[in-house]
N, C-alpha and C. Protein backbone atom coordinates (compact mmCIF):
# COMPACT_ATOMS: atom_id res chain seq x y z
N MET A 1 121.83 78.85 161.21
CA MET A 1 122.77 77.50 161.33
C MET A 1 122.39 76.92 159.79
N ILE A 2 123.91 76.37 159.77
CA ILE A 2 124.02 75.28 158.77
C ILE A 2 124.15 74.10 158.93
N ARG A 3 123.07 73.04 158.79
CA ARG A 3 123.24 71.47 159.00
C ARG A 3 122.67 70.96 157.58
N ILE A 4 123.39 69.88 157.45
CA ILE A 4 122.88 68.96 156.64
C ILE A 4 121.52 68.20 156.55
N LYS A 5 120.67 68.24 156.37
CA LYS A 5 119.41 67.63 156.87
C LYS A 5 119.45 66.12 156.14
N GLU A 6 119.54 65.75 155.03
CA GLU A 6 119.50 64.49 154.70
C GLU A 6 120.36 64.40 153.49
N ILE A 7 120.84 63.06 153.20
CA ILE A 7 122.00 62.30 152.48
C ILE A 7 121.32 60.98 152.17
N SER A 8 120.69 61.07 150.57
CA SER A 8 120.87 59.86 150.07
C SER A 8 121.82 58.40 150.12
N ALA A 9 121.28 57.63 150.03
CA ALA A 9 121.95 56.22 150.27
C ALA A 9 123.01 56.33 149.34
N GLU A 10 122.89 56.39 148.26
CA GLU A 10 124.32 56.33 147.22
C GLU A 10 125.17 57.77 148.07
N GLU A 11 124.97 58.54 148.24
CA GLU A 11 125.61 59.30 148.47
C GLU A 11 126.15 59.38 150.11
N LYS A 12 125.47 58.54 150.90
CA LYS A 12 125.75 57.83 152.09
C LYS A 12 127.53 57.20 151.86
N VAL A 13 127.03 56.03 150.91
CA VAL A 13 128.10 55.02 150.58
C VAL A 13 129.42 56.08 149.76
N THR A 14 129.11 56.66 148.99
CA THR A 14 130.32 57.66 148.26
C THR A 14 130.99 58.60 149.23
N LEU A 15 130.12 58.80 150.09
CA LEU A 15 130.82 59.67 151.61
C LEU A 15 131.96 58.77 152.56
N GLU A 16 130.83 57.77 152.86
CA GLU A 16 131.49 56.61 153.74
C GLU A 16 133.46 55.93 152.96
N ASN A 17 132.85 55.95 151.48
CA ASN A 17 134.32 55.18 150.80
C ASN A 17 135.57 56.49 150.41
N MET A 18 134.74 57.67 150.30
CA MET A 18 135.63 58.70 150.65
C MET A 18 136.18 59.12 151.94
N LYS A 19 135.68 58.67 152.63
CA LYS A 19 136.40 59.21 154.33
C LYS A 19 137.16 58.01 154.44
N LYS A 20 137.30 56.90 154.06
CA LYS A 20 137.92 55.68 154.47
C LYS A 20 139.63 55.63 153.23
N ASN A 21 138.88 56.18 151.85
CA ASN A 21 139.44 55.58 150.96
C ASN A 21 140.24 56.65 150.45
N HIS A 22 140.18 58.25 150.52
CA HIS A 22 140.74 58.88 149.64
C HIS A 22 141.89 59.29 150.00
N PRO A 23 143.08 59.16 148.96
CA PRO A 23 144.05 60.12 149.37
C PRO A 23 144.48 60.82 149.80
N GLY A 24 143.59 61.99 149.98
CA GLY A 24 143.92 63.14 150.41
C GLY A 24 143.08 63.29 151.63
N HIS A 25 144.13 64.03 152.84
CA HIS A 25 143.58 63.93 154.31
C HIS A 25 142.35 65.09 154.42
N MET A 26 142.56 65.96 153.85
CA MET A 26 141.41 67.21 153.83
C MET A 26 140.19 66.39 152.96
N PRO A 27 139.90 66.21 151.76
CA PRO A 27 138.61 65.65 151.54
C PRO A 27 138.17 64.46 152.29
N ARG A 28 138.77 63.67 152.91
CA ARG A 28 138.70 62.92 153.89
C ARG A 28 138.22 63.55 155.41
N MET A 29 138.55 64.37 155.86
CA MET A 29 137.90 65.32 156.80
C MET A 29 136.67 66.08 156.19
N ARG A 30 136.54 66.42 155.11
CA ARG A 30 135.01 67.15 154.55
C ARG A 30 133.51 65.62 154.70
N ALA A 31 134.30 64.76 154.21
CA ALA A 31 133.26 63.65 153.91
C ALA A 31 132.69 63.27 155.90
N HIS A 32 133.77 63.24 156.31
CA HIS A 32 133.33 62.97 157.58
C HIS A 32 132.53 64.01 158.20
N ALA A 33 132.91 64.94 157.96
CA ALA A 33 132.24 65.79 158.74
C ALA A 33 130.88 66.02 158.11
N ILE A 34 130.60 65.63 156.81
CA ILE A 34 129.23 65.69 156.45
C ILE A 34 128.26 64.73 156.96
N LEU A 35 128.98 63.98 157.07
CA LEU A 35 128.39 62.41 157.70
C LEU A 35 127.94 62.67 159.12
N LEU A 36 128.87 63.84 159.56
CA LEU A 36 128.71 64.04 161.51
C LEU A 36 127.50 64.90 161.16
N SER A 37 127.52 66.10 160.26
CA SER A 37 126.20 66.90 160.01
C SER A 37 125.12 66.17 160.16
N GLU A 38 124.85 65.40 159.30
CA GLU A 38 123.74 64.94 159.36
C GLU A 38 123.02 63.72 160.03
N THR A 39 123.68 63.38 161.01
CA THR A 39 123.53 62.62 162.24
C THR A 39 123.36 63.80 163.05
N GLY A 40 123.15 65.51 162.83
CA GLY A 40 122.79 66.00 164.07
C GLY A 40 123.88 66.90 164.59
N TYR A 41 125.27 66.75 164.01
CA TYR A 41 126.63 67.52 165.14
C TYR A 41 126.04 69.01 164.25
N GLU A 42 126.14 69.85 164.86
CA GLU A 42 126.40 71.51 164.79
C GLU A 42 127.88 72.13 164.42
N VAL A 43 127.59 73.26 163.78
CA VAL A 43 128.99 73.43 163.23
C VAL A 43 129.93 73.62 164.29
N GLN A 44 129.74 74.23 165.27
CA GLN A 44 130.81 74.61 166.63
C GLN A 44 131.14 73.02 166.82
N GLU A 45 130.62 72.44 167.27
CA GLU A 45 130.64 70.72 167.36
C GLU A 45 131.88 69.94 166.41
N LEU A 46 131.18 70.44 165.35
CA LEU A 46 132.23 69.98 164.04
C LEU A 46 133.76 70.70 164.02
N SER A 47 133.56 71.47 164.08
CA SER A 47 135.04 72.90 164.18
C SER A 47 135.84 72.28 165.00
N GLU A 48 135.30 72.16 166.65
CA GLU A 48 135.92 71.13 167.78
C GLU A 48 136.70 69.91 167.09
N ILE A 49 135.87 68.97 166.66
CA ILE A 49 136.11 67.74 166.83
C ILE A 49 137.63 67.74 165.18
N PHE A 50 137.23 68.44 164.49
CA PHE A 50 138.32 68.74 163.31
C PHE A 50 139.41 69.82 163.54
N GLY A 51 139.18 70.83 164.34
CA GLY A 51 140.24 71.58 164.84
C GLY A 51 140.60 72.75 163.80
N VAL A 52 139.19 72.91 163.25
CA VAL A 52 139.17 74.07 162.11
C VAL A 52 138.10 75.09 162.58
N CYS A 53 138.52 76.32 162.21
CA CYS A 53 137.76 77.21 162.70
C CYS A 53 136.13 77.28 162.23
N ARG A 54 135.11 77.79 162.63
CA ARG A 54 133.64 78.12 162.52
C ARG A 54 133.44 77.96 160.73
N GLN A 55 134.30 78.95 160.54
CA GLN A 55 133.88 79.41 158.99
C GLN A 55 134.23 78.04 158.31
N THR A 56 135.59 77.75 158.44
CA THR A 56 135.90 76.67 157.33
C THR A 56 134.77 75.53 157.64
N THR A 57 134.42 75.43 158.44
CA THR A 57 133.14 73.79 158.72
C THR A 57 132.29 74.65 157.56
N ALA A 58 131.73 75.59 158.16
CA ALA A 58 130.79 76.16 157.63
C ALA A 58 130.55 76.16 155.85
N THR A 59 132.13 76.80 155.45
CA THR A 59 132.37 76.17 154.09
C THR A 59 132.10 75.42 153.35
N TRP A 60 132.64 74.02 154.17
CA TRP A 60 132.65 72.58 153.94
C TRP A 60 130.76 72.26 153.58
N LEU A 61 130.53 72.42 154.20
CA LEU A 61 128.77 72.24 154.18
C LEU A 61 127.98 73.05 153.44
N ARG A 62 128.48 74.43 152.92
CA ARG A 62 127.89 74.78 152.19
C ARG A 62 128.52 74.37 150.89
N ALA A 63 129.50 73.85 150.50
CA ALA A 63 129.81 73.49 149.38
C ALA A 63 129.64 72.08 149.19
N TRP A 64 129.16 71.60 150.07
CA TRP A 64 128.24 70.18 150.09
C TRP A 64 126.69 70.39 149.45
N SER A 65 126.45 71.47 149.69
CA SER A 65 124.73 71.80 149.68
C SER A 65 124.82 72.27 148.06
N LYS A 66 125.47 73.42 147.28
CA LYS A 66 125.80 73.10 146.36
C LYS A 66 125.92 72.67 145.01
N GLY A 67 127.16 71.38 145.75
CA GLY A 67 127.98 71.15 144.63
C GLY A 67 128.27 69.62 144.83
N GLY A 68 127.70 69.08 145.89
CA GLY A 68 127.83 67.46 146.35
C GLY A 68 129.41 67.08 146.39
N VAL A 69 129.48 65.99 146.32
CA VAL A 69 130.50 64.91 146.48
C VAL A 69 131.74 65.70 145.80
N CYS A 70 131.62 66.33 144.70
CA CYS A 70 132.64 66.90 143.88
C CYS A 70 133.30 68.28 144.53
N ALA A 71 132.14 68.97 145.19
CA ALA A 71 132.66 69.95 145.82
C ALA A 71 133.13 70.12 147.00
N LEU A 72 133.56 68.23 147.37
CA LEU A 72 134.34 68.46 148.77
C LEU A 72 136.18 68.21 148.45
N LEU A 73 136.21 68.08 146.89
CA LEU A 73 137.69 67.51 146.72
C LEU A 73 138.78 69.01 146.40
N ASP A 74 139.69 68.96 146.81
CA ASP A 74 140.86 70.02 146.58
C ASP A 74 140.84 70.43 144.97
N LYS A 75 140.81 71.57 144.80
CA LYS A 75 140.88 72.33 143.80
C LYS A 75 142.36 72.34 143.09
N PRO A 76 142.81 72.66 141.68
CA PRO A 76 144.21 72.60 141.85
C PRO A 76 144.70 73.77 142.35
N ARG A 77 145.83 73.78 142.57
CA ARG A 77 146.48 75.57 143.08
C ARG A 77 147.82 75.65 141.94
N SER A 78 148.42 76.41 141.90
CA SER A 78 148.84 77.33 140.82
C SER A 78 150.56 77.41 142.41
N GLY A 79 151.68 76.86 141.84
CA GLY A 79 153.02 77.00 142.39
C GLY A 79 153.80 76.03 141.93
N ARG A 80 154.60 76.34 143.07
CA ARG A 80 156.43 74.93 142.17
C ARG A 80 155.39 73.28 142.44
N PRO A 81 155.86 72.26 142.04
CA PRO A 81 155.42 71.24 142.20
C PRO A 81 156.35 70.88 142.93
N ARG A 82 155.78 69.62 143.83
CA ARG A 82 156.70 69.09 145.04
C ARG A 82 157.95 68.53 144.18
N LYS A 83 158.79 68.12 145.42
CA LYS A 83 160.14 67.59 144.88
C LYS A 83 160.49 66.42 145.41
N ILE A 84 159.38 66.43 146.62
CA ILE A 84 159.25 65.01 147.58
C ILE A 84 158.19 64.21 146.83
N VAL A 85 158.28 63.28 146.25
CA VAL A 85 157.51 61.77 145.78
C VAL A 85 156.41 61.26 147.10
N ASP A 86 155.98 60.86 146.92
CA ASP A 86 154.66 60.23 147.92
C ASP A 86 155.20 58.60 147.76
N GLU A 87 155.51 57.94 148.71
CA GLU A 87 156.02 56.51 148.57
C GLU A 87 154.85 55.66 147.91
N ALA A 88 153.72 55.99 147.95
CA ALA A 88 152.76 54.99 147.62
C ALA A 88 152.58 55.24 145.61
N SER A 89 153.32 56.24 145.38
CA SER A 89 153.09 56.98 143.73
C SER A 89 154.39 55.72 143.31
């Protein structure tokens, strides 16, 4: 079973900020999942909360364990650039 045991105060502040302010939806979800895992939620519960499969949730938790905050960010992807521009831009 994968669970985040302990997060430092600095990491907790960073994750809270990421959860509230990151422009991307997925990094916000991942940060929230890490925070909930640390409070005792299990993979299955997190999967149900976020509407993703158990494997996805486990991948998020493993990524955090190996790479910290940077591992929760989306990686660049290949493909055609978007045609629609965000209104915030």
